[in-house]
Amino acid sequence: AFHELASNSAKFGALSRPQGRLEVQWWIPDSAGEQILHLHWQERD
């Protein structure tokens, strides 16, 4: 999935432009139950 997102960005998105930016953040909230990984992929410029 990361490969497809990166390829798409390089062809049509932020990574296709020199000034383009990509920020990827992820975190796991504190929880007594099942651990859930949250990931946020944001393209700009």
ModelCIF file with pLDDT and N, C-alpha, C, O atoms, coordinates in Angstrom:
data_MODEL
#
_entry.id   MODEL 
#
_entity.id                         1 
_entity.type                       polymer 
_entity.pdbx_number_of_molecules   1 
#
_entity_poly.entity_id                      1 
_entity_poly.type                           'polypeptide(L)' 
_entity_poly.nstd_linkage                   no 
_entity_poly.nstd_monomer                   no 
_entity_poly.pdbx_seq_one_letter_code       AFHELASNSAKFGALSRPQGRLEVQWWIPDSAGEQILHLHWQERD 
_entity_poly.pdbx_seq_one_letter_code_can   AFHELASNSAKFGALSRPQGRLEVQWWIPDSAGEQILHLHWQERD 
_entity_poly.pdbx_strand_id                 A 
#
loop_
_entity_poly_seq.entity_id 
_entity_poly_seq.num 
_entity_poly_seq.mon_id 
_entity_poly_seq.hetero 
1 1  ALA n 
1 2  PHE n 
1 3  HIS n 
1 4  GLU n 
1 5  LEU n 
1 6  ALA n 
1 7  SER n 
1 8  ASN n 
1 9  SER n 
1 10 ALA n 
1 11 LYS n 
1 12 PHE n 
1 13 GLY n 
1 14 ALA n 
1 15 LEU n 
1 16 SER n 
1 17 ARG n 
1 18 PRO n 
1 19 GLN n 
1 20 GLY n 
1 21 ARG n 
1 22 LEU n 
1 23 GLU n 
1 24 VAL n 
1 25 GLN n 
1 26 TRP n 
1 27 TRP n 
1 28 ILE n 
1 29 PRO n 
1 30 ASP n 
1 31 SER n 
1 32 ALA n 
1 33 GLY n 
1 34 GLU n 
1 35 GLN n 
1 36 ILE n 
1 37 LEU n 
1 38 HIS n 
1 39 LEU n 
1 40 HIS n 
1 41 TRP n 
1 42 GLN n 
1 43 GLU n 
1 44 ARG n 
1 45 ASP n 
#
_struct_asym.id          A 
_struct_asym.entity_id   1 
#
loop_
_ma_qa_metric.id 
_ma_qa_metric.mode 
_ma_qa_metric.name 
_ma_qa_metric.software_group_id 
_ma_qa_metric.type 
1 global pLDDT . pLDDT 
2 local  pLDDT . pLDDT 
#
_ma_qa_metric_global.metric_id      1 
_ma_qa_metric_global.metric_value   87.82 
_ma_qa_metric_global.model_id       1 
_ma_qa_metric_global.ordinal_id     1 
#
loop_
_ma_qa_metric_local.label_asym_id 
_ma_qa_metric_local.label_comp_id 
_ma_qa_metric_local.label_seq_id 
_ma_qa_metric_local.metric_id 
_ma_qa_metric_local.metric_value 
_ma_qa_metric_local.model_id 
_ma_qa_metric_local.ordinal_id 
A ALA 1  2 84.00 1 1  
A PHE 2  2 86.00 1 2  
A HIS 3  2 80.00 1 3  
A GLU 4  2 81.00 1 4  
A LEU 5  2 88.00 1 5  
A ALA 6  2 84.00 1 6  
A SER 7  2 79.00 1 7  
A ASN 8  2 82.00 1 8  
A SER 9  2 86.00 1 9  
A ALA 10 2 80.00 1 10 
A LYS 11 2 80.00 1 11 
A PHE 12 2 84.00 1 12 
A GLY 13 2 89.00 1 13 
A ALA 14 2 90.00 1 14 
A LEU 15 2 85.00 1 15 
A SER 16 2 84.00 1 16 
A ARG 17 2 85.00 1 17 
A PRO 18 2 82.00 1 18 
A GLN 19 2 88.00 1 19 
A GLY 20 2 90.00 1 20 
A ARG 21 2 93.00 1 21 
A LEU 22 2 95.00 1 22 
A GLU 23 2 96.00 1 23 
A VAL 24 2 96.00 1 24 
A GLN 25 2 96.00 1 25 
A TRP 26 2 96.00 1 26 
A TRP 27 2 95.00 1 27 
A ILE 28 2 92.00 1 28 
A PRO 29 2 90.00 1 29 
A ASP 30 2 83.00 1 30 
A SER 31 2 74.00 1 31 
A ALA 32 2 70.00 1 32 
A GLY 33 2 73.00 1 33 
A GLU 34 2 79.00 1 34 
A GLN 35 2 88.00 1 35 
A ILE 36 2 92.00 1 36 
A LEU 37 2 94.00 1 37 
A HIS 38 2 96.00 1 38 
A LEU 39 2 96.00 1 39 
A HIS 40 2 97.00 1 40 
A TRP 41 2 96.00 1 41 
A GLN 42 2 96.00 1 42 
A GLU 43 2 95.00 1 43 
A ARG 44 2 94.00 1 44 
A ASP 45 2 93.00 1 45 
#
loop_
_atom_site.group_PDB 
_atom_site.id 
_atom_site.type_symbol 
_atom_site.label_atom_id 
_atom_site.label_alt_id 
_atom_site.label_comp_id 
_atom_site.label_asym_id 
_atom_site.label_entity_id 
_atom_site.label_seq_id 
_atom_site.pdbx_PDB_ins_code 
_atom_site.Cartn_x 
_atom_site.Cartn_y 
_atom_site.Cartn_z 
_atom_site.occupancy 
_atom_site.B_iso_or_equiv 
_atom_site.pdbx_formal_charge 
_atom_site.auth_seq_id 
_atom_site.auth_comp_id 
_atom_site.auth_asym_id 
_atom_site.auth_atom_id 
_atom_site.pdbx_PDB_model_num 
ATOM 1   N N  . ALA A 1 1  ? 0.842  -1.211 0.000   1.00 84.00 ? 1  ALA A N  1 
ATOM 2   C CA . ALA A 1 1  ? 0.000  0.000  0.000   1.00 84.00 ? 1  ALA A CA 1 
ATOM 3   C C  . ALA A 1 1  ? 0.869  1.249  0.000   1.00 84.00 ? 1  ALA A C  1 
ATOM 4   O O  . ALA A 1 1  ? 0.580  2.202  -0.724  1.00 84.00 ? 1  ALA A O  1 
ATOM 5   N N  . PHE A 1 2  ? 1.943  1.258  0.811   1.00 86.00 ? 2  PHE A N  1 
ATOM 6   C CA . PHE A 1 2  ? 2.861  2.393  0.817   1.00 86.00 ? 2  PHE A CA 1 
ATOM 7   C C  . PHE A 1 2  ? 3.480  2.598  -0.566  1.00 86.00 ? 2  PHE A C  1 
ATOM 8   O O  . PHE A 1 2  ? 3.662  3.729  -1.016  1.00 86.00 ? 2  PHE A O  1 
ATOM 9   N N  . HIS A 1 3  ? 3.798  1.487  -1.233  1.00 80.00 ? 3  HIS A N  1 
ATOM 10  C CA . HIS A 1 3  ? 4.386  1.581  -2.568  1.00 80.00 ? 3  HIS A CA 1 
ATOM 11  C C  . HIS A 1 3  ? 3.405  2.259  -3.534  1.00 80.00 ? 3  HIS A C  1 
ATOM 12  O O  . HIS A 1 3  ? 3.800  3.118  -4.322  1.00 80.00 ? 3  HIS A O  1 
ATOM 13  N N  . GLU A 1 4  ? 2.141  1.873  -3.469  1.00 81.00 ? 4  GLU A N  1 
ATOM 14  C CA . GLU A 1 4  ? 1.149  2.456  -4.373  1.00 81.00 ? 4  GLU A CA 1 
ATOM 15  C C  . GLU A 1 4  ? 0.933  3.928  -4.067  1.00 81.00 ? 4  GLU A C  1 
ATOM 16  O O  . GLU A 1 4  ? 0.805  4.737  -4.987  1.00 81.00 ? 4  GLU A O  1 
ATOM 17  N N  . LEU A 1 5  ? 0.890  4.293  -2.777  1.00 88.00 ? 5  LEU A N  1 
ATOM 18  C CA . LEU A 1 5  ? 0.714  5.694  -2.408  1.00 88.00 ? 5  LEU A CA 1 
ATOM 19  C C  . LEU A 1 5  ? 1.908  6.524  -2.877  1.00 88.00 ? 5  LEU A C  1 
ATOM 20  O O  . LEU A 1 5  ? 1.741  7.623  -3.407  1.00 88.00 ? 5  LEU A O  1 
ATOM 21  N N  . ALA A 1 6  ? 3.125  5.985  -2.676  1.00 84.00 ? 6  ALA A N  1 
ATOM 22  C CA . ALA A 1 6  ? 4.326  6.716  -3.084  1.00 84.00 ? 6  ALA A CA 1 
ATOM 23  C C  . ALA A 1 6  ? 4.388  6.860  -4.601  1.00 84.00 ? 6  ALA A C  1 
ATOM 24  O O  . ALA A 1 6  ? 4.723  7.930  -5.109  1.00 84.00 ? 6  ALA A O  1 
ATOM 25  N N  . SER A 1 7  ? 4.066  5.786  -5.326  1.00 79.00 ? 7  SER A N  1 
ATOM 26  C CA . SER A 1 7  ? 4.091  5.844  -6.793  1.00 79.00 ? 7  SER A CA 1 
ATOM 27  C C  . SER A 1 7  ? 3.075  6.848  -7.319  1.00 79.00 ? 7  SER A C  1 
ATOM 28  O O  . SER A 1 7  ? 3.361  7.619  -8.235  1.00 79.00 ? 7  SER A O  1 
ATOM 29  N N  . ASN A 1 8  ? 1.884  6.828  -6.727  1.00 82.00 ? 8  ASN A N  1 
ATOM 30  C CA . ASN A 1 8  ? 0.839  7.767  -7.151  1.00 82.00 ? 8  ASN A CA 1 
ATOM 31  C C  . ASN A 1 8  ? 1.258  9.208  -6.887  1.00 82.00 ? 8  ASN A C  1 
ATOM 32  O O  . ASN A 1 8  ? 1.011  10.103 -7.696  1.00 82.00 ? 8  ASN A O  1 
ATOM 33  N N  . SER A 1 9  ? 1.906  9.416  -5.723  1.00 86.00 ? 9  SER A N  1 
ATOM 34  C CA . SER A 1 9  ? 2.360  10.769 -5.398  1.00 86.00 ? 9  SER A CA 1 
ATOM 35  C C  . SER A 1 9  ? 3.443  11.232 -6.357  1.00 86.00 ? 9  SER A C  1 
ATOM 36  O O  . SER A 1 9  ? 3.480  12.402 -6.738  1.00 86.00 ? 9  SER A O  1 
ATOM 37  N N  . ALA A 1 10 ? 4.345  10.298 -6.758  1.00 80.00 ? 10 ALA A N  1 
ATOM 38  C CA . ALA A 1 10 ? 5.428  10.661 -7.673  1.00 80.00 ? 10 ALA A CA 1 
ATOM 39  C C  . ALA A 1 10 ? 4.910  10.957 -9.080  1.00 80.00 ? 10 ALA A C  1 
ATOM 40  O O  . ALA A 1 10 ? 5.506  11.742 -9.818  1.00 80.00 ? 10 ALA A O  1 
ATOM 41  N N  . LYS A 1 11 ? 3.801  10.326 -9.439  1.00 80.00 ? 11 LYS A N  1 
ATOM 42  C CA . LYS A 1 11 ? 3.244  10.536 -10.780 1.00 80.00 ? 11 LYS A CA 1 
ATOM 43  C C  . LYS A 1 11 ? 2.315  11.742 -10.835 1.00 80.00 ? 11 LYS A C  1 
ATOM 44  O O  . LYS A 1 11 ? 2.378  12.545 -11.767 1.00 80.00 ? 11 LYS A O  1 
ATOM 45  N N  . PHE A 1 12 ? 1.444  11.864 -9.820  1.00 84.00 ? 12 PHE A N  1 
ATOM 46  C CA . PHE A 1 12 ? 0.370  12.861 -9.903  1.00 84.00 ? 12 PHE A CA 1 
ATOM 47  C C  . PHE A 1 12 ? 0.303  13.807 -8.708  1.00 84.00 ? 12 PHE A C  1 
ATOM 48  O O  . PHE A 1 12 ? -0.368 14.837 -8.770  1.00 84.00 ? 12 PHE A O  1 
ATOM 49  N N  . GLY A 1 13 ? 0.995  13.465 -7.618  1.00 89.00 ? 13 GLY A N  1 
ATOM 50  C CA . GLY A 1 13 ? 0.815  14.212 -6.384  1.00 89.00 ? 13 GLY A CA 1 
ATOM 51  C C  . GLY A 1 13 ? 1.999  15.085 -6.010  1.00 89.00 ? 13 GLY A C  1 
ATOM 52  O O  . GLY A 1 13 ? 2.741  15.561 -6.870  1.00 89.00 ? 13 GLY A O  1 
ATOM 53  N N  . ALA A 1 14 ? 2.161  15.287 -4.698  1.00 90.00 ? 14 ALA A N  1 
ATOM 54  C CA . ALA A 1 14 ? 3.157  16.226 -4.190  1.00 90.00 ? 14 ALA A CA 1 
ATOM 55  C C  . ALA A 1 14 ? 4.579  15.856 -4.588  1.00 90.00 ? 14 ALA A C  1 
ATOM 56  O O  . ALA A 1 14 ? 5.390  16.744 -4.848  1.00 90.00 ? 14 ALA A O  1 
ATOM 57  N N  . LEU A 1 15 ? 4.901  14.564 -4.641  1.00 85.00 ? 15 LEU A N  1 
ATOM 58  C CA . LEU A 1 15 ? 6.269  14.167 -4.953  1.00 85.00 ? 15 LEU A CA 1 
ATOM 59  C C  . LEU A 1 15 ? 6.602  14.313 -6.432  1.00 85.00 ? 15 LEU A C  1 
ATOM 60  O O  . LEU A 1 15 ? 7.735  14.048 -6.835  1.00 85.00 ? 15 LEU A O  1 
ATOM 61  N N  . SER A 1 16 ? 5.647  14.726 -7.241  1.00 84.00 ? 16 SER A N  1 
ATOM 62  C CA . SER A 1 16 ? 5.918  14.984 -8.665  1.00 84.00 ? 16 SER A CA 1 
ATOM 63  C C  . SER A 1 16 ? 6.476  16.383 -8.890  1.00 84.00 ? 16 SER A C  1 
ATOM 64  O O  . SER A 1 16 ? 6.901  16.717 -9.996  1.00 84.00 ? 16 SER A O  1 
ATOM 65  N N  . ARG A 1 17 ? 6.473  17.205 -7.835  1.00 85.00 ? 17 ARG A N  1 
ATOM 66  C CA . ARG A 1 17 ? 6.986  18.572 -7.938  1.00 85.00 ? 17 ARG A CA 1 
ATOM 67  C C  . ARG A 1 17 ? 8.144  18.762 -6.954  1.00 85.00 ? 17 ARG A C  1 
ATOM 68  O O  . ARG A 1 17 ? 8.088  18.241 -5.840  1.00 85.00 ? 17 ARG A O  1 
ATOM 69  N N  . PRO A 1 18 ? 9.189  19.495 -7.341  1.00 82.00 ? 18 PRO A N  1 
ATOM 70  C CA . PRO A 1 18 ? 10.328 19.706 -6.435  1.00 82.00 ? 18 PRO A CA 1 
ATOM 71  C C  . PRO A 1 18 ? 9.929  20.350 -5.114  1.00 82.00 ? 18 PRO A C  1 
ATOM 72  O O  . PRO A 1 18 ? 10.511 20.049 -4.071  1.00 82.00 ? 18 PRO A O  1 
ATOM 73  N N  . GLN A 1 19 ? 8.940  21.232 -5.157  1.00 88.00 ? 19 GLN A N  1 
ATOM 74  C CA . GLN A 1 19 ? 8.531  21.920 -3.934  1.00 88.00 ? 19 GLN A CA 1 
ATOM 75  C C  . GLN A 1 19 ? 7.497  21.128 -3.122  1.00 88.00 ? 19 GLN A C  1 
ATOM 76  O O  . GLN A 1 19 ? 7.089  21.562 -2.045  1.00 88.00 ? 19 GLN A O  1 
ATOM 77  N N  . GLY A 1 20 ? 7.078  19.977 -3.636  1.00 90.00 ? 20 GLY A N  1 
ATOM 78  C CA . GLY A 1 20 ? 6.070  19.178 -2.938  1.00 90.00 ? 20 GLY A CA 1 
ATOM 79  C C  . GLY A 1 20 ? 6.569  18.637 -1.607  1.00 90.00 ? 20 GLY A C  1 
ATOM 80  O O  . GLY A 1 20 ? 7.761  18.383 -1.429  1.00 90.00 ? 20 GLY A O  1 
ATOM 81  N N  . ARG A 1 21 ? 5.644  18.467 -0.682  1.00 93.00 ? 21 ARG A N  1 
ATOM 82  C CA . ARG A 1 21 ? 5.982  17.982 0.661   1.00 93.00 ? 21 ARG A CA 1 
ATOM 83  C C  . ARG A 1 21 ? 5.075  16.805 1.031   1.00 93.00 ? 21 ARG A C  1 
ATOM 84  O O  . ARG A 1 21 ? 3.917  16.727 0.621   1.00 93.00 ? 21 ARG A O  1 
ATOM 85  N N  . LEU A 1 22 ? 5.647  15.896 1.821   1.00 95.00 ? 22 LEU A N  1 
ATOM 86  C CA . LEU A 1 22 ? 4.881  14.753 2.334   1.00 95.00 ? 22 LEU A CA 1 
ATOM 87  C C  . LEU A 1 22 ? 5.202  14.570 3.804   1.00 95.00 ? 22 LEU A C  1 
ATOM 88  O O  . LEU A 1 22 ? 6.368  14.518 4.196   1.00 95.00 ? 22 LEU A O  1 
ATOM 89  N N  . GLU A 1 23 ? 4.160  14.472 4.610   1.00 96.00 ? 23 GLU A N  1 
ATOM 90  C CA . GLU A 1 23 ? 4.324  14.218 6.039   1.00 96.00 ? 23 GLU A CA 1 
ATOM 91  C C  . GLU A 1 23 ? 3.523  12.976 6.405   1.00 96.00 ? 23 GLU A C  1 
ATOM 92  O O  . GLU A 1 23 ? 2.328  12.881 6.128   1.00 96.00 ? 23 GLU A O  1 
ATOM 93  N N  . VAL A 1 24 ? 4.220  12.014 7.044   1.00 96.00 ? 24 VAL A N  1 
ATOM 94  C CA . VAL A 1 24 ? 3.565  10.785 7.505   1.00 96.00 ? 24 VAL A CA 1 
ATOM 95  C C  . VAL A 1 24 ? 3.762  10.691 9.005   1.00 96.00 ? 24 VAL A C  1 
ATOM 96  O O  . VAL A 1 24 ? 4.893  10.687 9.492   1.00 96.00 ? 24 VAL A O  1 
ATOM 97  N N  . GLN A 1 25 ? 2.673  10.616 9.725   1.00 96.00 ? 25 GLN A N  1 
ATOM 98  C CA . GLN A 1 25 ? 2.704  10.466 11.180  1.00 96.00 ? 25 GLN A CA 1 
ATOM 99  C C  . GLN A 1 25 ? 1.924  9.218  11.572  1.00 96.00 ? 25 GLN A C  1 
ATOM 100 O O  . GLN A 1 25 ? 0.953  8.849  10.912  1.00 96.00 ? 25 GLN A O  1 
ATOM 101 N N  . TRP A 1 26 ? 2.355  8.572  12.649  1.00 96.00 ? 26 TRP A N  1 
ATOM 102 C CA . TRP A 1 26 ? 1.603  7.432  13.162  1.00 96.00 ? 26 TRP A CA 1 
ATOM 103 C C  . TRP A 1 26 ? 1.748  7.386  14.682  1.00 96.00 ? 26 TRP A C  1 
ATOM 104 O O  . TRP A 1 26 ? 2.728  7.877  15.241  1.00 96.00 ? 26 TRP A O  1 
ATOM 105 N N  . TRP A 1 27 ? 0.769  6.796  15.329  1.00 95.00 ? 27 TRP A N  1 
ATOM 106 C CA . TRP A 1 27 ? 0.746  6.707  16.779  1.00 95.00 ? 27 TRP A CA 1 
ATOM 107 C C  . TRP A 1 27 ? -0.176 5.571  17.193  1.00 95.00 ? 27 TRP A C  1 
ATOM 108 O O  . TRP A 1 27 ? -1.008 5.102  16.415  1.00 95.00 ? 27 TRP A O  1 
ATOM 109 N N  . ILE A 1 28 ? -0.005 5.140  18.443  1.00 92.00 ? 28 ILE A N  1 
ATOM 110 C CA . ILE A 1 28 ? -0.849 4.093  19.028  1.00 92.00 ? 28 ILE A CA 1 
ATOM 111 C C  . ILE A 1 28 ? -1.433 4.648  20.323  1.00 92.00 ? 28 ILE A C  1 
ATOM 112 O O  . ILE A 1 28 ? -0.707 4.766  21.310  1.00 92.00 ? 28 ILE A O  1 
ATOM 113 N N  . PRO A 1 29 ? -2.707 4.988  20.351  1.00 90.00 ? 29 PRO A N  1 
ATOM 114 C CA . PRO A 1 29 ? -3.309 5.543  21.576  1.00 90.00 ? 29 PRO A CA 1 
ATOM 115 C C  . PRO A 1 29 ? -3.232 4.548  22.728  1.00 90.00 ? 29 PRO A C  1 
ATOM 116 O O  . PRO A 1 29 ? -3.311 3.336  22.524  1.00 90.00 ? 29 PRO A O  1 
ATOM 117 N N  . ASP A 1 30 ? -3.078 5.077  23.944  1.00 83.00 ? 30 ASP A N  1 
ATOM 118 C CA . ASP A 1 30 ? -3.108 4.227  25.134  1.00 83.00 ? 30 ASP A CA 1 
ATOM 119 C C  . ASP A 1 30 ? -4.497 3.628  25.294  1.00 83.00 ? 30 ASP A C  1 
ATOM 120 O O  . ASP A 1 30 ? -5.500 4.340  25.313  1.00 83.00 ? 30 ASP A O  1 
ATOM 121 N N  . SER A 1 31 ? -4.534 2.317  25.408  1.00 74.00 ? 31 SER A N  1 
ATOM 122 C CA . SER A 1 31 ? -5.824 1.641  25.532  1.00 74.00 ? 31 SER A CA 1 
ATOM 123 C C  . SER A 1 31 ? -5.627 0.307  26.220  1.00 74.00 ? 31 SER A C  1 
ATOM 124 O O  . SER A 1 31 ? -4.623 -0.373 26.009  1.00 74.00 ? 31 SER A O  1 
ATOM 125 N N  . ALA A 1 32 ? -6.595 -0.063 27.047  1.00 70.00 ? 32 ALA A N  1 
ATOM 126 C CA . ALA A 1 32 ? -6.524 -1.351 27.739  1.00 70.00 ? 32 ALA A CA 1 
ATOM 127 C C  . ALA A 1 32 ? -6.920 -2.499 26.826  1.00 70.00 ? 32 ALA A C  1 
ATOM 128 O O  . ALA A 1 32 ? -6.651 -3.663 27.125  1.00 70.00 ? 32 ALA A O  1 
ATOM 129 N N  . GLY A 1 33 ? -7.561 -2.168 25.712  1.00 73.00 ? 33 GLY A N  1 
ATOM 130 C CA . GLY A 1 33 ? -8.019 -3.209 24.794  1.00 73.00 ? 33 GLY A CA 1 
ATOM 131 C C  . GLY A 1 33 ? -7.032 -3.448 23.666  1.00 73.00 ? 33 GLY A C  1 
ATOM 132 O O  . GLY A 1 33 ? -5.817 -3.387 23.853  1.00 73.00 ? 33 GLY A O  1 
ATOM 133 N N  . GLU A 1 34 ? -7.579 -3.719 22.495  1.00 79.00 ? 34 GLU A N  1 
ATOM 134 C CA . GLU A 1 34 ? -6.760 -4.013 21.326  1.00 79.00 ? 34 GLU A CA 1 
ATOM 135 C C  . GLU A 1 34 ? -5.974 -2.778 20.893  1.00 79.00 ? 34 GLU A C  1 
ATOM 136 O O  . GLU A 1 34 ? -6.511 -1.671 20.856  1.00 79.00 ? 34 GLU A O  1 
ATOM 137 N N  . GLN A 1 35 ? -4.685 -2.981 20.562  1.00 88.00 ? 35 GLN A N  1 
ATOM 138 C CA . GLN A 1 35 ? -3.863 -1.879 20.098  1.00 88.00 ? 35 GLN A CA 1 
ATOM 139 C C  . GLN A 1 35 ? -4.221 -1.532 18.654  1.00 88.00 ? 35 GLN A C  1 
ATOM 140 O O  . GLN A 1 35 ? -4.287 -2.406 17.790  1.00 88.00 ? 35 GLN A O  1 
ATOM 141 N N  . ILE A 1 36 ? -4.451 -0.251 18.410  1.00 92.00 ? 36 ILE A N  1 
ATOM 142 C CA . ILE A 1 36 ? -4.789 0.233  17.076  1.00 92.00 ? 36 ILE A CA 1 
ATOM 143 C C  . ILE A 1 36 ? -3.717 1.221  16.627  1.00 92.00 ? 36 ILE A C  1 
ATOM 144 O O  . ILE A 1 36 ? -3.458 2.217  17.302  1.00 92.00 ? 36 ILE A O  1 
ATOM 145 N N  . LEU A 1 37 ? -3.101 0.937  15.489  1.00 94.00 ? 37 LEU A N  1 
ATOM 146 C CA . LEU A 1 37 ? -2.133 1.859  14.904  1.00 94.00 ? 37 LEU A CA 1 
ATOM 147 C C  . LEU A 1 37 ? -2.882 2.871  14.033  1.00 94.00 ? 37 LEU A C  1 
ATOM 148 O O  . LEU A 1 37 ? -3.627 2.489  13.131  1.00 94.00 ? 37 LEU A O  1 
ATOM 149 N N  . HIS A 1 38 ? -2.680 4.153  14.307  1.00 96.00 ? 38 HIS A N  1 
ATOM 150 C CA . HIS A 1 38 ? -3.274 5.222  13.504  1.00 96.00 ? 38 HIS A CA 1 
ATOM 151 C C  . HIS A 1 38 ? -2.171 5.857  12.658  1.00 96.00 ? 38 HIS A C  1 
ATOM 152 O O  . HIS A 1 38 ? -1.130 6.254  13.183  1.00 96.00 ? 38 HIS A O  1 
ATOM 153 N N  . LEU A 1 39 ? -2.402 5.951  11.351  1.00 96.00 ? 39 LEU A N  1 
ATOM 154 C CA . LEU A 1 39 ? -1.414 6.530  10.437  1.00 96.00 ? 39 LEU A CA 1 
ATOM 155 C C  . LEU A 1 39 ? -2.080 7.622  9.606   1.00 96.00 ? 39 LEU A C  1 
ATOM 156 O O  . LEU A 1 39 ? -3.208 7.466  9.139   1.00 96.00 ? 39 LEU A O  1 
ATOM 157 N N  . HIS A 1 40 ? -1.358 8.736  9.429   1.00 97.00 ? 40 HIS A N  1 
ATOM 158 C CA . HIS A 1 40 ? -1.870 9.893  8.688   1.00 97.00 ? 40 HIS A CA 1 
ATOM 159 C C  . HIS A 1 40 ? -0.839 10.275 7.629   1.00 97.00 ? 40 HIS A C  1 
ATOM 160 O O  . HIS A 1 40 ? 0.296  10.618 7.958   1.00 97.00 ? 40 HIS A O  1 
ATOM 161 N N  . TRP A 1 41 ? -1.235 10.214 6.358   1.00 96.00 ? 41 TRP A N  1 
ATOM 162 C CA . TRP A 1 41 ? -0.387 10.539 5.205   1.00 96.00 ? 41 TRP A CA 1 
ATOM 163 C C  . TRP A 1 41 ? -0.930 11.824 4.587   1.00 96.00 ? 41 TRP A C  1 
ATOM 164 O O  . TRP A 1 41 ? -2.060 11.852 4.099   1.00 96.00 ? 41 TRP A O  1 
ATOM 165 N N  . GLN A 1 42 ? -0.133 12.879 4.607   1.00 96.00 ? 42 GLN A N  1 
ATOM 166 C CA . GLN A 1 42 ? -0.594 14.188 4.122   1.00 96.00 ? 42 GLN A CA 1 
ATOM 167 C C  . GLN A 1 42 ? 0.384  14.751 3.090   1.00 96.00 ? 42 GLN A C  1 
ATOM 168 O O  . GLN A 1 42 ? 1.568  14.928 3.376   1.00 96.00 ? 42 GLN A O  1 
ATOM 169 N N  . GLU A 1 43 ? -0.124 15.029 1.892   1.00 95.00 ? 43 GLU A N  1 
ATOM 170 C CA . GLU A 1 43 ? 0.685  15.644 0.838   1.00 95.00 ? 43 GLU A CA 1 
ATOM 171 C C  . GLU A 1 43 ? 0.329  17.130 0.740   1.00 95.00 ? 43 GLU A C  1 
ATOM 172 O O  . GLU A 1 43 ? -0.822 17.525 0.929   1.00 95.00 ? 43 GLU A O  1 
ATOM 173 N N  . ARG A 1 44 ? 1.357  17.948 0.437   1.00 94.00 ? 44 ARG A N  1 
ATOM 174 C CA . ARG A 1 44 ? 1.151  19.401 0.321   1.00 94.00 ? 44 ARG A CA 1 
ATOM 175 C C  . ARG A 1 44 ? 2.036  19.963 -0.797  1.00 94.00 ? 44 ARG A C  1 
ATOM 176 O O  . ARG A 1 44 ? 3.030  19.358 -1.199  1.00 94.00 ? 44 ARG A O  1 
ATOM 177 N N  . ASP A 1 45 ? 1.640  21.132 -1.276  1.00 93.00 ? 45 ASP A N  1 
ATOM 178 C CA . ASP A 1 45 ? 2.438  21.916 -2.231  1.00 93.00 ? 45 ASP A CA 1 
ATOM 179 C C  . ASP A 1 45 ? 2.692  21.187 -3.546  1.00 93.00 ? 45 ASP A C  1 
ATOM 180 O O  . ASP A 1 45 ? 3.348  21.729 -4.436  1.00 93.00 ? 45 ASP A O  1 
#
